[in-house]
Amino acid sequence: MCCRPSGQRGVPSGGDLVLHTLDAPAVRTWCQLALRALGQAREEIDALNVYPVPDGDTGTNLYLTVESAAAEVESRFADPAADPAPGLADTVRAMARGALVGARGNSGVILAQWLRGTAEKLAEGGGAEQLRAALQRAADSAYQAVAEPVEGTLLTVARVAAREAVRAGDGLAQVADTAYRAARDALRHTPEQLAVLAENGVVDAGGRGLVAVLGALADAVAGQQPMGPVALRGDVRPVETCTAHVRPPGPGHPAFEVIYLLDAPDRALPALRMRLGALGDSLVVGGGDGLWNVHVHVDDAGAAVEAGVEAGRPHQIRITHFAEAAARSGTAAERGEREERARAVLSVVYGGGLAELCEQAGAVVLHADPDRRPASAELADAVRRSAAREVVLLLNDPELRAAAGAAADQLREEGVRMAVLPTRSPVQGLAALAVHEGGRRFDEDVVAMTSAAGATRYAELAVAEGESWTMAGVCQAGDVLGLIDGDVAVIGAGLAEVGESVLDRMLGAGGELVTLILGEGADRALADRLVAHVRQQRPEVDSVVFHGGQESTPLLIGVE
């Protein structure tokens, strides 16, 4: 919510609340901003992925890795009344463990090890000197995890960031910002260090992800909050050209990617590394304290798993055949037309009434907690439970695009034909459902639903939780806000007055149907007054009213 005030834990500087010391809430913010930055850059990073295997999934793997880290951190803050509140050491260790458990792919495991090294030093304190030491430990840990380190990759970006952080000024913000800028500059030079990057006209995909993570750290230290619109420093495009695309590995490259978690003592690791190094390449082993994440590219996937059994207890084993993954990622023309399959529309909803509306329209519903958006794993599980081979996913929330994209990539690898409609409001989702026809070809159905959603303008009424600047001016706690297409357009004292003003603005551009969805506790009299207002001002426009039951928004408005 755009007017939710952030806690002031620093002193004003240039309009931002700059932190002098990292604490647990700051680490939580860092995770949230990093996840958002990687979500925004996920497809770009996937397209940059040419090394070590051009399988087009580095952005998705990094997103899933940080998503797991952020979820583990959020679990520490699940009880707002907890006493004592989560401390810095516990929070950074949770971040590192979450990343390790959820790490995906070569770059994901390296990033998880980088976060583990960061946590080892930040657990001792959150000052500028601890951050310098943390960045150095992180770079060292990442190098140690890789059997054969290669320059021009995430490793190089991490090392340069750590080196320049040591030379930065005294403040925490100076250290974080210097590390970010150094990483960004190092990324630009990666094609000079790795020939395959220069040949494809790209920078390193893993390094690009680390720039996003370091940019999020600098933003968190500068007082940036994850709520509302933000311009993340991690969202940069160091190189404009990108010719990379998914293709099977060339001759001589191992056929399988094997990754698993391993419960094993430290003493078992040298023999495991030696055994796996003889079997293949791209070996990365990250972790510690008895829990490890093992990643390797091999021709004999069974032997790689057996090596883990000899060392300890492998679990969460994932084996990917590169050629099959590349084939699944091809265009529809390359794959050939798929046979018609059972289809489902999955709609994410935040209220009981909305769920009933969507179910009546033929959708499978994912009930979401208004205080915690579903992660990619929850979206993927909901699609799997639908038991459909063709799925249209209605998000109804702009903040779910990154998680949905990551989930869709996973599901496509499992053979599910996916279309994600980035509906930004439940009223757009309902408009899409109204034209859904399961008997049509999948592509035709998706086009019709997308067109219906796009033709529906959306708005909502909300109550400001604190003082803040908006596009319509300064709002105070208790003010009613009218948001049109996601931006605050009206500030007023009453729901009805603001609702009328919002409707007048929206109908000024034309419209045939107004949809009003009442939130939990909203009075039916509010809807009646707005319907009467529409009838008086625009008698040719029809109106419909539903009880949605959404907790956080008194009224949703749609104009078709």
Protein backbone atom coordinates (compact mmCIF):
# COMPACT_ATOMS: atom_id res chain seq x y z
CA MET A 1 0.00 0.00 0.00
CA CYS A 2 1.63 3.22 -1.14
CA CYS A 3 0.94 5.18 2.03
CA ARG A 4 2.25 2.64 4.51
CA PRO A 5 5.04 4.42 6.45
CA SER A 6 8.37 2.68 6.87
CA GLY A 7 10.06 2.45 10.24
CA GLN A 8 12.67 5.16 10.77
CA ARG A 9 15.80 3.38 11.85
CA GLY A 10 18.33 5.85 10.49
CA VAL A 11 18.58 9.59 9.92
CA PRO A 12 17.28 11.51 6.91
CA SER A 13 19.81 12.06 4.14
CA GLY A 14 18.77 13.27 0.72
CA GLY A 15 15.19 12.21 1.42
CA ASP A 16 16.06 8.62 2.35
CA LEU A 17 16.34 6.98 5.76
CA VAL A 18 19.91 5.74 5.53
CA LEU A 19 20.90 2.95 7.88
CA HIS A 20 24.12 3.10 9.83
CA THR A 21 23.87 -0.53 10.97
CA LEU A 22 22.21 -3.53 9.38
CA ASP A 23 19.63 -5.14 11.63
CA ALA A 24 17.17 -7.98 11.19
CA PRO A 25 14.43 -5.86 9.55
CA ALA A 26 17.02 -4.46 7.12
CA VAL A 27 18.08 -7.98 6.10
CA ARG A 28 14.42 -8.84 5.61
CA THR A 29 14.04 -5.79 3.36
CA TRP A 30 17.20 -6.76 1.48
CA CYS A 31 15.75 -10.19 0.73
CA GLN A 32 12.46 -8.70 -0.44
CA LEU A 33 14.15 -6.13 -2.68
CA ALA A 34 16.55 -8.74 -4.08
CA LEU A 35 13.65 -11.02 -4.94
CA ARG A 36 11.84 -8.15 -6.63
CA ALA A 37 14.96 -7.11 -8.58
CA LEU A 38 15.60 -10.68 -9.77
CA GLY A 39 11.93 -11.02 -10.67
CA GLN A 40 12.14 -7.94 -12.86
CA ALA A 41 15.36 -9.14 -14.50
CA ARG A 42 14.57 -12.87 -14.64
CA GLU A 43 13.82 -13.13 -18.36
CA GLU A 44 16.73 -10.87 -19.25
CA ILE A 45 19.14 -13.03 -17.23
CA ASP A 46 17.72 -16.21 -18.74
CA ALA A 47 18.46 -14.77 -22.18
CA LEU A 48 22.06 -13.98 -21.18
CA ASN A 49 22.69 -17.59 -20.15
CA VAL A 50 25.37 -19.02 -22.48
CA TYR A 51 27.83 -20.39 -19.89
CA PRO A 52 28.50 -23.05 -18.71
CA VAL A 53 25.49 -24.48 -20.61
CA PRO A 54 23.19 -22.35 -22.79
CA ASP A 55 20.02 -23.72 -21.17
CA GLY A 56 18.33 -20.34 -20.59
CA ASP A 57 17.45 -20.81 -16.92
CA THR A 58 19.99 -18.83 -14.85
CA GLY A 59 17.55 -16.01 -14.10
CA THR A 60 14.87 -18.46 -13.04
CA ASN A 61 17.34 -20.44 -10.90
CA LEU A 62 18.61 -17.32 -9.14
CA TYR A 63 15.05 -16.12 -8.53
CA LEU A 64 14.04 -19.47 -7.00
CA THR A 65 17.18 -19.48 -4.83
CA VAL A 66 16.49 -16.02 -3.39
CA GLU A 67 12.78 -16.80 -3.12
CA SER A 68 13.67 -19.68 -0.81
CA ALA A 69 16.00 -17.42 1.20
CA ALA A 70 13.32 -14.75 1.54
CA ALA A 71 10.71 -17.31 2.60
CA GLU A 72 13.00 -18.64 5.34
CA VAL A 73 13.58 -15.09 6.60
CA GLU A 74 9.84 -14.33 6.51
CA SER A 75 9.21 -17.36 8.70
CA ARG A 76 11.21 -15.62 11.44
CA PHE A 77 8.83 -12.65 11.29
CA ALA A 78 5.62 -14.68 11.14
CA ASP A 79 4.60 -13.67 14.68
CA PRO A 80 4.66 -9.85 15.06
CA ALA A 81 4.24 -10.20 18.83
CA ALA A 82 7.19 -12.56 19.23
CA ASP A 83 9.43 -11.70 22.18
CA PRO A 84 12.28 -11.39 21.60
CA ALA A 85 12.01 -10.16 18.02
CA PRO A 86 14.28 -11.86 15.45
CA GLY A 87 17.90 -10.79 15.82
CA LEU A 88 20.46 -10.07 13.12
CA ALA A 89 22.42 -13.32 13.57
CA ASP A 90 19.34 -15.52 13.40
CA THR A 91 17.99 -13.63 10.38
CA VAL A 92 21.14 -13.81 8.25
CA ARG A 93 21.56 -17.50 9.10
CA ALA A 94 17.96 -18.09 8.04
CA MET A 95 18.68 -16.27 4.77
CA ALA A 96 21.72 -18.46 4.13
CA ARG A 97 19.96 -21.71 5.01
CA GLY A 98 16.93 -20.86 2.88
CA ALA A 99 19.17 -20.13 -0.10
CA LEU A 100 21.11 -23.36 0.39
CA VAL A 101 17.99 -25.54 0.62
CA GLY A 102 16.33 -23.87 -2.35
CA ALA A 103 19.39 -23.33 -4.57
CA ARG A 104 18.84 -24.19 -8.23
CA GLY A 105 21.43 -24.64 -10.95
CA ASN A 106 25.11 -23.77 -11.05
CA SER A 107 24.67 -20.06 -10.34
CA GLY A 108 22.04 -20.67 -7.67
CA VAL A 109 24.38 -22.88 -5.64
CA ILE A 110 27.22 -20.36 -6.00
CA LEU A 111 24.92 -17.51 -4.91
CA ALA A 112 23.76 -19.58 -1.94
CA GLN A 113 27.37 -20.08 -0.90
CA TRP A 114 28.00 -16.35 -1.38
CA LEU A 115 25.08 -15.62 0.95
CA ARG A 116 26.40 -18.13 3.45
CA GLY A 117 29.77 -16.38 3.54
CA THR A 118 27.99 -13.04 3.96
CA ALA A 119 25.97 -14.42 6.86
CA GLU A 120 29.02 -15.77 8.67
CA LYS A 121 30.39 -12.25 9.16
CA LEU A 122 27.14 -10.31 9.47
CA ALA A 123 26.15 -12.62 12.33
CA GLU A 124 28.91 -10.85 14.26
CA GLY A 125 27.45 -7.38 13.63
CA GLY A 126 25.91 -5.11 11.04
CA GLY A 127 28.34 -2.20 10.87
CA ALA A 128 30.41 -1.00 7.94
CA GLU A 129 33.48 -3.04 8.94
CA GLN A 130 31.42 -6.20 9.31
CA LEU A 131 29.91 -5.63 5.86
CA ARG A 132 33.38 -5.25 4.33
CA ALA A 133 34.44 -8.49 5.97
CA ALA A 134 31.19 -10.17 4.94
CA LEU A 135 31.65 -9.32 1.27
CA GLN A 136 35.22 -10.64 1.36
CA ARG A 137 34.15 -13.85 3.10
CA ALA A 138 31.31 -14.21 0.60
CA ALA A 139 33.66 -13.98 -2.38
CA ASP A 140 36.11 -16.42 -0.82
CA SER A 141 33.34 -18.89 0.00
CA ALA A 142 31.97 -18.74 -3.53
CA TYR A 143 35.40 -19.49 -5.03
CA GLN A 144 35.94 -22.38 -2.61
CA ALA A 145 32.62 -23.95 -3.57
CA VAL A 146 33.57 -24.22 -7.25
CA ALA A 147 35.85 -27.08 -8.22
CA GLU A 148 37.37 -25.22 -11.20
CA PRO A 149 36.79 -21.45 -10.83
CA VAL A 150 36.48 -19.54 -14.11
CA GLU A 151 37.01 -15.79 -14.45
CA GLY A 152 34.42 -13.65 -16.19
CA THR A 153 31.63 -15.16 -14.11
CA LEU A 154 29.72 -14.43 -10.90
CA LEU A 155 32.94 -15.26 -9.04
CA THR A 156 34.82 -12.39 -10.65
CA VAL A 157 32.00 -9.95 -9.99
CA ALA A 158 31.94 -11.01 -6.32
CA ARG A 159 35.71 -10.66 -5.94
CA VAL A 160 35.85 -7.17 -7.47
CA ALA A 161 32.90 -6.01 -5.35
CA ALA A 162 34.65 -7.23 -2.19
CA ARG A 163 37.98 -5.68 -3.18
CA GLU A 164 36.48 -2.23 -3.80
CA ALA A 165 34.33 -2.40 -0.64
CA VAL A 166 37.54 -2.53 1.39
CA ARG A 167 38.57 0.81 -0.15
CA ALA A 168 35.18 2.49 0.41
CA GLY A 169 34.41 5.25 2.90
CA ASP A 170 33.57 4.69 6.53
CA GLY A 171 29.77 4.50 6.39
CA LEU A 172 27.63 1.44 5.81
CA ALA A 173 25.91 3.10 2.85
CA GLN A 174 29.27 3.92 1.24
CA VAL A 175 30.40 0.30 1.55
CA ALA A 176 27.17 -1.11 0.11
CA ASP A 177 26.99 1.41 -2.73
CA THR A 178 30.68 0.98 -3.64
CA ALA A 179 30.29 -2.80 -3.77
CA TYR A 180 27.26 -2.48 -6.04
CA ARG A 181 28.96 -0.03 -8.42
CA ALA A 182 32.12 -2.13 -8.53
CA ALA A 183 30.08 -5.24 -9.31
CA ARG A 184 28.25 -3.43 -12.10
CA ASP A 185 31.55 -2.29 -13.62
CA ALA A 186 33.06 -5.77 -13.28
CA LEU A 187 30.05 -7.24 -15.05
CA ARG A 188 30.64 -5.01 -18.07
CA HIS A 189 34.14 -6.47 -18.42
CA THR A 190 33.14 -10.15 -18.22
CA PRO A 191 33.09 -10.58 -22.04
CA GLU A 192 36.78 -9.62 -22.04
CA GLN A 193 37.52 -12.53 -19.69
CA LEU A 194 35.34 -15.30 -21.09
CA ALA A 195 35.35 -15.90 -24.85
CA VAL A 196 31.89 -17.46 -25.07
CA LEU A 197 30.37 -14.26 -23.68
CA ALA A 198 32.14 -12.11 -26.27
CA GLU A 199 31.08 -14.47 -29.06
CA ASN A 200 27.42 -14.06 -28.09
CA GLY A 201 27.59 -10.34 -27.26
CA VAL A 202 26.45 -10.78 -23.66
CA VAL A 203 27.67 -10.33 -20.11
CA ASP A 204 27.69 -13.21 -17.61
CA ALA A 205 24.21 -14.21 -16.49
CA GLY A 206 25.22 -15.20 -12.95
CA GLY A 207 27.18 -12.00 -12.52
CA ARG A 208 24.15 -10.02 -13.68
CA GLY A 209 22.14 -11.70 -10.94
CA LEU A 210 24.71 -10.80 -8.29
CA VAL A 211 24.57 -7.15 -9.44
CA ALA A 212 20.82 -7.25 -8.77
CA VAL A 213 21.38 -8.70 -5.29
CA LEU A 214 24.06 -6.12 -4.42
CA GLY A 215 21.88 -3.33 -5.81
CA ALA A 216 19.08 -4.50 -3.52
CA LEU A 217 21.48 -4.43 -0.55
CA ALA A 218 22.47 -0.85 -1.38
CA ASP A 219 18.80 0.10 -1.71
CA ALA A 220 17.94 -1.49 1.64
CA VAL A 221 20.79 0.38 3.36
CA ALA A 222 19.63 3.62 1.69
CA GLY A 223 16.21 3.21 3.32
CA GLN A 224 14.30 1.85 0.35
CA GLN A 225 11.22 -0.17 1.29
CA PRO A 226 9.68 -3.00 -0.74
CA MET A 227 6.15 -1.58 -0.58
CA GLY A 228 4.88 0.54 -3.46
CA PRO A 229 6.65 1.54 -6.69
CA VAL A 230 10.43 1.51 -6.51
CA ALA A 231 13.30 2.10 -8.90
CA LEU A 232 15.75 -0.61 -7.91
CA ARG A 233 19.45 -0.07 -8.48
CA GLY A 234 19.69 -3.77 -9.19
CA ASP A 235 17.49 -3.27 -12.27
CA VAL A 236 20.15 -2.31 -14.83
CA ARG A 237 21.02 -3.39 -18.37
CA PRO A 238 24.81 -3.25 -18.64
CA VAL A 239 24.79 -4.68 -22.20
CA GLU A 240 22.02 -4.09 -24.71
CA THR A 241 22.78 -6.88 -27.18
CA CYS A 242 21.77 -10.45 -26.43
CA THR A 243 21.83 -13.28 -28.96
CA ALA A 244 21.79 -16.19 -26.53
CA HIS A 245 19.11 -18.83 -26.82
CA VAL A 246 18.43 -22.25 -25.40
CA ARG A 247 20.16 -25.06 -27.26
CA PRO A 248 21.47 -28.49 -26.34
CA PRO A 249 25.10 -28.77 -25.22
CA GLY A 250 27.69 -29.21 -27.94
CA PRO A 251 29.77 -32.33 -28.58
CA GLY A 252 31.77 -33.44 -25.59
CA HIS A 253 29.60 -31.67 -23.03
CA PRO A 254 27.94 -33.79 -20.31
CA ALA A 255 24.30 -34.65 -20.96
CA PHE A 256 22.82 -34.28 -17.46
CA GLU A 257 22.64 -31.72 -14.68
CA VAL A 258 22.43 -33.39 -11.25
CA ILE A 259 21.67 -31.44 -8.10
CA TYR A 260 20.78 -32.64 -4.62
CA LEU A 261 20.93 -31.76 -0.95
CA LEU A 262 23.32 -33.92 1.03
CA ASP A 263 23.47 -34.66 4.75
CA ALA A 264 27.12 -35.52 5.32
CA PRO A 265 30.01 -34.73 7.69
CA ASP A 266 32.74 -32.34 6.57
CA ARG A 267 35.27 -35.18 6.37
CA ALA A 268 33.27 -36.84 3.57
CA LEU A 269 33.50 -33.83 1.24
CA PRO A 270 37.05 -34.19 -0.17
CA ALA A 271 36.37 -37.70 -1.46
CA LEU A 272 32.97 -36.62 -2.85
CA ARG A 273 34.50 -33.69 -4.72
CA MET A 274 37.20 -35.94 -6.15
CA ARG A 275 34.68 -38.58 -7.27
CA LEU A 276 32.28 -36.06 -8.86
CA GLY A 277 35.13 -34.12 -10.47
CA ALA A 278 36.19 -37.29 -12.26
CA LEU A 279 32.62 -37.91 -13.45
CA GLY A 280 31.91 -34.50 -15.00
CA ASP A 281 32.31 -30.74 -14.78
CA SER A 282 30.64 -27.56 -13.45
CA LEU A 283 31.01 -29.02 -9.97
CA VAL A 284 29.83 -26.78 -7.14
CA VAL A 285 29.45 -27.94 -3.54
CA GLY A 286 28.12 -25.34 -1.13
CA GLY A 287 26.97 -25.43 2.46
CA GLY A 288 28.37 -26.51 5.80
CA ASP A 289 27.46 -27.76 9.27
CA GLY A 290 26.41 -31.12 7.85
CA LEU A 291 24.11 -29.85 5.05
CA TRP A 292 25.41 -29.40 1.50
CA ASN A 293 24.01 -28.52 -1.90
CA VAL A 294 25.73 -30.52 -4.65
CA HIS A 295 25.62 -29.53 -8.32
CA VAL A 296 27.43 -31.23 -11.21
CA HIS A 297 27.12 -31.85 -14.97
CA VAL A 298 27.71 -35.51 -15.89
CA ASP A 299 26.95 -38.17 -18.47
CA ASP A 300 26.23 -40.80 -15.79
CA ALA A 301 23.57 -39.29 -13.53
CA GLY A 302 23.24 -42.52 -11.53
CA ALA A 303 26.92 -42.50 -10.64
CA ALA A 304 26.66 -38.89 -9.42
CA VAL A 305 23.84 -39.85 -7.07
CA GLU A 306 25.72 -42.97 -5.92
CA ALA A 307 28.66 -40.75 -4.98
CA GLY A 308 26.31 -38.83 -2.73
CA VAL A 309 25.06 -42.05 -1.15
CA GLU A 310 28.64 -43.03 -0.35
CA ALA A 311 29.25 -39.65 1.31
CA GLY A 312 26.00 -39.37 3.25
CA ARG A 313 22.27 -39.06 2.61
CA PRO A 314 21.25 -37.31 -0.63
CA HIS A 315 17.70 -35.97 -0.90
CA GLN A 316 15.67 -33.56 -3.06
CA ILE A 317 17.44 -35.05 -6.07
CA ARG A 318 16.82 -33.27 -9.40
CA ILE A 319 18.17 -34.61 -12.70
CA THR A 320 17.79 -32.60 -15.92
CA HIS A 321 18.63 -33.89 -19.40
CA PHE A 322 19.90 -30.85 -21.29
CA ALA A 323 18.74 -31.96 -24.74
CA GLU A 324 15.19 -32.62 -23.51
CA ALA A 325 15.10 -29.29 -21.67
CA ALA A 326 16.16 -27.48 -24.85
CA ALA A 327 13.50 -29.29 -26.87
CA ARG A 328 10.83 -28.34 -24.33
CA SER A 329 11.90 -24.71 -24.57
CA GLY A 330 11.58 -24.57 -28.37
CA THR A 331 8.91 -22.63 -30.22
CA ALA A 332 5.51 -24.12 -30.95
CA ALA A 333 6.50 -24.54 -34.61
CA GLU A 334 9.66 -26.43 -33.58
CA ARG A 335 7.73 -28.71 -31.24
CA GLY A 336 4.82 -29.30 -33.58
CA GLU A 337 1.19 -28.79 -32.61
CA ARG A 338 0.30 -30.55 -29.38
CA GLU A 339 -2.79 -32.64 -29.09
CA GLU A 340 -5.81 -31.07 -27.40
CA ARG A 341 -5.72 -31.65 -23.63
CA ALA A 342 -7.89 -30.99 -20.61
CA ARG A 343 -7.71 -27.31 -19.73
CA ALA A 344 -8.03 -25.36 -16.50
CA VAL A 345 -8.11 -21.69 -15.57
CA LEU A 346 -6.42 -21.05 -12.23
CA SER A 347 -7.33 -17.79 -10.52
CA VAL A 348 -5.50 -16.32 -7.50
CA VAL A 349 -7.98 -14.69 -5.11
CA TYR A 350 -7.79 -12.96 -1.74
CA GLY A 351 -11.43 -13.11 -0.61
CA GLY A 352 -14.14 -15.73 -0.07
CA GLY A 353 -16.72 -13.96 -2.20
CA LEU A 354 -14.25 -13.53 -5.03
CA ALA A 355 -13.46 -17.23 -4.83
CA GLU A 356 -17.14 -18.12 -5.28
CA LEU A 357 -17.44 -15.78 -8.26
CA CYS A 358 -14.42 -17.32 -9.94
CA GLU A 359 -15.56 -20.87 -9.24
CA GLN A 360 -19.02 -20.12 -10.65
CA ALA A 361 -17.29 -18.87 -13.80
CA GLY A 362 -15.45 -22.19 -14.11
CA ALA A 363 -12.06 -21.38 -12.57
CA VAL A 364 -9.94 -23.40 -10.19
CA VAL A 365 -9.21 -21.13 -7.23
CA LEU A 366 -6.01 -20.61 -5.27
CA HIS A 367 -6.96 -18.97 -1.97
CA ALA A 368 -4.14 -16.55 -1.12
CA ASP A 369 -3.31 -15.02 2.25
CA PRO A 370 -3.67 -11.21 1.97
CA ASP A 371 -0.64 -10.79 4.23
CA ARG A 372 1.63 -13.07 2.18
CA ARG A 373 1.62 -13.49 -1.56
CA PRO A 374 2.01 -17.07 -2.82
CA ALA A 375 5.50 -18.13 -3.85
CA SER A 376 6.32 -19.80 -7.15
CA ALA A 377 6.24 -23.25 -5.54
CA GLU A 378 2.66 -22.68 -4.29
CA LEU A 379 1.54 -21.53 -7.73
CA ALA A 380 3.18 -24.56 -9.35
CA ASP A 381 1.59 -26.94 -6.84
CA ALA A 382 -1.84 -25.41 -7.47
CA VAL A 383 -1.42 -25.99 -11.21
CA ARG A 384 -0.35 -29.58 -10.59
CA ARG A 385 -3.41 -30.17 -8.39
CA SER A 386 -5.63 -29.02 -11.25
CA ALA A 387 -4.47 -32.16 -13.12
CA ALA A 388 -4.76 -30.22 -16.40
CA ARG A 389 -2.27 -30.30 -19.25
CA GLU A 390 -3.26 -26.83 -20.45
CA VAL A 391 -3.51 -24.06 -17.86
CA VAL A 392 -4.33 -20.37 -18.01
CA LEU A 393 -3.14 -18.62 -14.85
CA LEU A 394 -4.92 -15.42 -13.76
CA LEU A 395 -2.73 -13.55 -11.27
CA ASN A 396 -5.05 -10.66 -10.32
CA ASP A 397 -2.05 -9.00 -8.65
CA PRO A 398 0.88 -7.26 -10.43
CA GLU A 399 3.34 -8.34 -7.73
CA LEU A 400 2.90 -12.01 -8.68
CA ARG A 401 4.36 -11.77 -12.17
CA ALA A 402 7.87 -12.85 -11.22
CA ALA A 403 6.75 -15.80 -9.09
CA ALA A 404 4.30 -16.88 -11.79
CA GLY A 405 6.98 -16.71 -14.49
CA ALA A 406 9.29 -18.93 -12.46
CA ALA A 407 6.47 -21.39 -11.77
CA ALA A 408 5.49 -21.49 -15.44
CA ASP A 409 9.05 -22.32 -16.48
CA GLN A 410 9.09 -25.27 -14.06
CA LEU A 411 5.73 -26.54 -15.25
CA ARG A 412 6.60 -26.29 -18.94
CA GLU A 413 9.54 -28.61 -18.23
CA GLU A 414 6.96 -31.06 -16.86
CA GLY A 415 4.95 -30.91 -20.07
CA VAL A 416 2.22 -28.51 -18.95
CA ARG A 417 1.17 -25.95 -21.55
CA MET A 418 1.07 -22.67 -19.63
CA ALA A 419 -0.22 -19.17 -20.31
CA VAL A 420 0.17 -16.53 -17.60
CA LEU A 421 -2.28 -13.65 -17.93
CA PRO A 422 -0.82 -10.78 -15.86
CA THR A 423 -4.22 -9.52 -14.73
CA ARG A 424 -3.53 -6.69 -12.28
CA SER A 425 -6.86 -6.75 -10.45
CA PRO A 426 -9.63 -9.27 -9.75
CA VAL A 427 -11.96 -7.26 -12.00
CA GLN A 428 -9.66 -7.97 -14.94
CA GLY A 429 -9.59 -11.63 -13.96
CA LEU A 430 -13.40 -11.77 -13.94
CA ALA A 431 -13.53 -10.08 -17.35
CA ALA A 432 -11.16 -12.72 -18.71
CA LEU A 433 -13.21 -15.54 -17.19
CA ALA A 434 -16.38 -14.15 -18.77
CA VAL A 435 -15.09 -14.92 -22.27
CA HIS A 436 -13.31 -18.20 -21.47
CA GLU A 437 -14.41 -21.14 -23.63
CA GLY A 438 -12.78 -24.50 -22.96
CA GLY A 439 -13.87 -25.83 -26.36
CA ARG A 440 -11.75 -23.33 -28.28
CA ARG A 441 -8.15 -23.96 -29.25
CA PHE A 442 -5.82 -23.02 -26.41
CA ASP A 443 -4.17 -20.11 -28.21
CA GLU A 444 -7.51 -18.66 -29.31
CA ASP A 445 -8.88 -18.90 -25.78
CA VAL A 446 -5.80 -17.15 -24.34
CA VAL A 447 -6.04 -14.33 -26.90
CA ALA A 448 -9.74 -13.75 -26.16
CA MET A 449 -9.17 -13.74 -22.39
CA THR A 450 -6.16 -11.43 -22.70
CA SER A 451 -8.14 -8.99 -24.84
CA ALA A 452 -11.04 -8.93 -22.37
CA ALA A 453 -8.71 -8.29 -19.44
CA GLY A 454 -6.83 -5.59 -21.30
CA ALA A 455 -10.08 -3.81 -22.19
CA THR A 456 -11.01 -3.53 -18.50
CA ARG A 457 -9.73 -0.52 -16.57
CA TYR A 458 -9.43 -1.13 -12.85
CA ALA A 459 -9.49 0.94 -9.70
CA GLU A 460 -9.73 0.46 -5.97
CA LEU A 461 -10.52 2.43 -2.83
CA ALA A 462 -8.14 2.12 0.10
CA VAL A 463 -7.49 3.82 3.41
CA ALA A 464 -4.06 5.39 4.00
CA GLU A 465 -2.16 3.93 6.94
CA GLY A 466 0.13 6.92 7.37
CA GLU A 467 1.42 10.14 5.86
CA SER A 468 3.08 9.83 2.48
CA TRP A 469 3.61 11.48 -0.89
CA THR A 470 1.43 10.23 -3.75
CA MET A 471 0.86 11.22 -7.36
CA ALA A 472 -2.24 13.10 -6.19
CA GLY A 473 -0.47 14.94 -3.35
CA VAL A 474 0.22 14.24 0.32
CA CYS A 475 -2.07 11.79 2.09
CA GLN A 476 -2.58 11.52 5.86
CA ALA A 477 -3.46 8.51 7.96
CA GLY A 478 -7.17 7.77 7.55
CA ASP A 479 -7.54 9.46 4.16
CA VAL A 480 -9.46 7.56 1.51
CA LEU A 481 -7.43 6.97 -1.62
CA GLY A 482 -8.79 6.32 -5.09
CA LEU A 483 -6.26 4.36 -7.18
CA ILE A 484 -6.81 4.10 -10.93
CA ASP A 485 -4.70 1.57 -12.82
CA GLY A 486 -2.43 1.29 -9.77
CA ASP A 487 -1.74 4.99 -9.20
CA VAL A 488 -3.32 7.28 -6.59
CA ALA A 489 -5.61 9.65 -8.49
CA VAL A 490 -7.93 10.94 -5.77
CA ILE A 491 -7.51 11.74 -2.07
CA GLY A 492 -10.62 12.42 0.04
CA ALA A 493 -12.39 11.96 3.35
CA GLY A 494 -15.16 9.48 2.47
CA LEU A 495 -15.47 6.25 0.50
CA ALA A 496 -18.57 7.35 -1.40
CA GLU A 497 -17.20 10.76 -2.41
CA VAL A 498 -13.89 9.31 -3.58
CA GLY A 499 -15.69 6.47 -5.36
CA GLU A 500 -17.85 8.90 -7.31
CA SER A 501 -14.82 10.93 -8.34
CA VAL A 502 -12.98 7.79 -9.46
CA LEU A 503 -15.95 6.62 -11.52
CA ASP A 504 -16.32 10.03 -13.18
CA ARG A 505 -12.66 9.93 -14.23
CA MET A 506 -12.84 6.38 -15.51
CA LEU A 507 -16.10 6.83 -17.42
CA GLY A 508 -14.78 10.02 -18.97
CA ALA A 509 -12.84 7.76 -21.32
CA GLY A 510 -15.97 5.73 -22.14
CA GLY A 511 -17.36 2.46 -20.89
CA GLU A 512 -20.33 0.10 -21.12
CA LEU A 513 -20.26 -1.83 -17.84
CA VAL A 514 -19.21 -0.91 -14.28
CA THR A 515 -18.36 -3.73 -11.88
CA LEU A 516 -18.24 -2.99 -8.13
CA ILE A 517 -16.78 -5.59 -5.75
CA LEU A 518 -17.36 -4.87 -2.06
CA GLY A 519 -14.65 -5.80 0.43
CA GLU A 520 -15.06 -7.34 3.85
CA GLY A 521 -17.09 -5.05 6.10
CA ALA A 522 -18.03 -2.63 3.31
CA ASP A 523 -21.62 -1.35 3.49
CA ARG A 524 -24.00 -2.25 0.65
CA ALA A 525 -25.18 1.35 0.86
CA LEU A 526 -21.83 2.38 -0.62
CA ALA A 527 -22.47 0.30 -3.73
CA ASP A 528 -26.07 1.51 -3.98
CA ARG A 529 -24.94 5.14 -3.92
CA LEU A 530 -22.31 4.55 -6.59
CA VAL A 531 -24.75 2.65 -8.81
CA ALA A 532 -27.21 5.55 -8.50
CA HIS A 533 -24.44 8.00 -9.36
CA VAL A 534 -23.56 6.06 -12.52
CA ARG A 535 -27.23 5.83 -13.51
CA GLN A 536 -27.65 9.58 -13.10
CA GLN A 537 -24.44 10.63 -14.84
CA ARG A 538 -24.23 7.91 -17.52
CA PRO A 539 -27.64 6.23 -17.93
CA GLU A 540 -26.38 4.15 -20.88
CA VAL A 541 -23.84 2.38 -18.64
CA ASP A 542 -24.87 -0.81 -16.79
CA SER A 543 -23.64 -1.64 -13.27
CA VAL A 544 -23.24 -4.91 -11.37
CA VAL A 545 -22.36 -5.41 -7.69
CA PHE A 546 -20.67 -8.38 -6.03
CA HIS A 547 -19.52 -9.13 -2.48
CA GLY A 548 -15.86 -10.10 -2.81
CA GLY A 549 -14.92 -10.30 0.87
CA GLN A 550 -11.34 -9.06 0.27
CA GLU A 551 -9.84 -7.84 3.56
CA SER A 552 -7.47 -5.06 2.51
CA THR A 553 -9.57 -3.16 -0.03
CA PRO A 554 -13.08 -1.78 0.72
CA LEU A 555 -14.02 -1.56 -2.95
CA LEU A 556 -12.72 -2.79 -6.31
CA ILE A 557 -13.97 -1.10 -9.48
CA GLY A 558 -13.86 -2.27 -13.05
CA VAL A 559 -14.96 -0.44 -16.20
CA GLU A 560 -15.33 -2.37 -19.46
